[in-house]
Amino acid sequence: MKTLGNIIWVIFGGLHIALEYFIAGLILMITIIGIPFGKMHFRLEKLALSPFGKEVV
């Protein structure tokens, strides 16, 4: 059921959200101060692609 939910999620908007996190992460990695925030955006990108079955700690 998680796999089906993730597939439907990616089709109806998850890919768009993940792309936005990726672009924001790249922009934040330009400055030294933004590197920790850029790393967090890359982690959020993975979560945005398959949120079902994941746990945020």
Protein backbone atom coordinates (compact mmCIF):
# COMPACT_ATOMS: atom_id res chain seq x y z
CA MET A 1 0.00 0.00 0.00
CA LYS A 2 2.92 2.36 0.70
CA THR A 3 4.28 1.83 -2.80
CA LEU A 4 0.95 2.65 -4.41
CA GLY A 5 0.60 5.77 -2.26
CA ASN A 6 4.10 6.91 -3.19
CA ILE A 7 3.46 6.40 -6.91
CA ILE A 8 0.22 8.40 -6.75
CA TRP A 9 2.00 11.08 -4.70
CA VAL A 10 4.81 11.48 -7.26
CA ILE A 11 2.33 11.75 -10.13
CA PHE A 12 0.15 14.37 -8.45
CA GLY A 13 2.76 16.78 -7.13
CA GLY A 14 5.57 15.06 -5.27
CA LEU A 15 7.97 15.42 -8.19
CA HIS A 16 7.30 19.16 -8.39
CA ILE A 17 7.92 19.63 -4.66
CA ALA A 18 11.12 17.54 -4.79
CA LEU A 19 12.40 19.62 -7.71
CA GLU A 20 11.78 22.82 -5.73
CA TYR A 21 13.70 21.42 -2.75
CA PHE A 22 16.56 20.42 -5.06
CA ILE A 23 16.82 23.87 -6.65
CA ALA A 24 16.62 25.59 -3.26
CA GLY A 25 19.32 23.26 -1.94
CA LEU A 26 21.62 24.13 -4.82
CA ILE A 27 21.11 27.85 -4.27
CA LEU A 28 21.76 27.53 -0.54
CA MET A 29 24.97 25.55 -1.10
CA ILE A 30 26.55 28.60 -2.79
CA THR A 31 27.27 30.35 0.51
CA ILE A 32 29.11 28.95 3.52
CA ILE A 33 26.30 29.95 5.87
CA GLY A 34 23.71 28.21 3.69
CA ILE A 35 25.45 24.81 3.48
CA PRO A 36 23.67 23.26 6.51
CA PHE A 37 20.33 24.48 5.18
CA GLY A 38 21.16 23.16 1.71
CA LYS A 39 21.91 19.72 3.16
CA MET A 40 18.56 19.76 4.94
CA HIS A 41 16.80 20.64 1.69
CA PHE A 42 18.41 17.62 0.02
CA ARG A 43 17.10 15.41 2.85
CA LEU A 44 13.64 16.93 2.48
CA GLU A 45 13.80 16.25 -1.25
CA LYS A 46 14.11 12.52 -0.58
CA LEU A 47 11.18 12.72 1.82
CA ALA A 48 9.09 14.64 -0.71
CA LEU A 49 9.54 11.89 -3.30
CA SER A 50 8.29 9.06 -1.08
CA PRO A 51 6.57 10.32 2.08
CA PHE A 52 4.50 7.21 2.81
CA GLY A 53 6.26 4.78 5.11
CA LYS A 54 8.86 7.32 6.23
CA GLU A 55 9.26 8.77 9.71
CA VAL A 56 10.58 12.25 10.42
CA VAL A 57 12.75 12.45 13.53
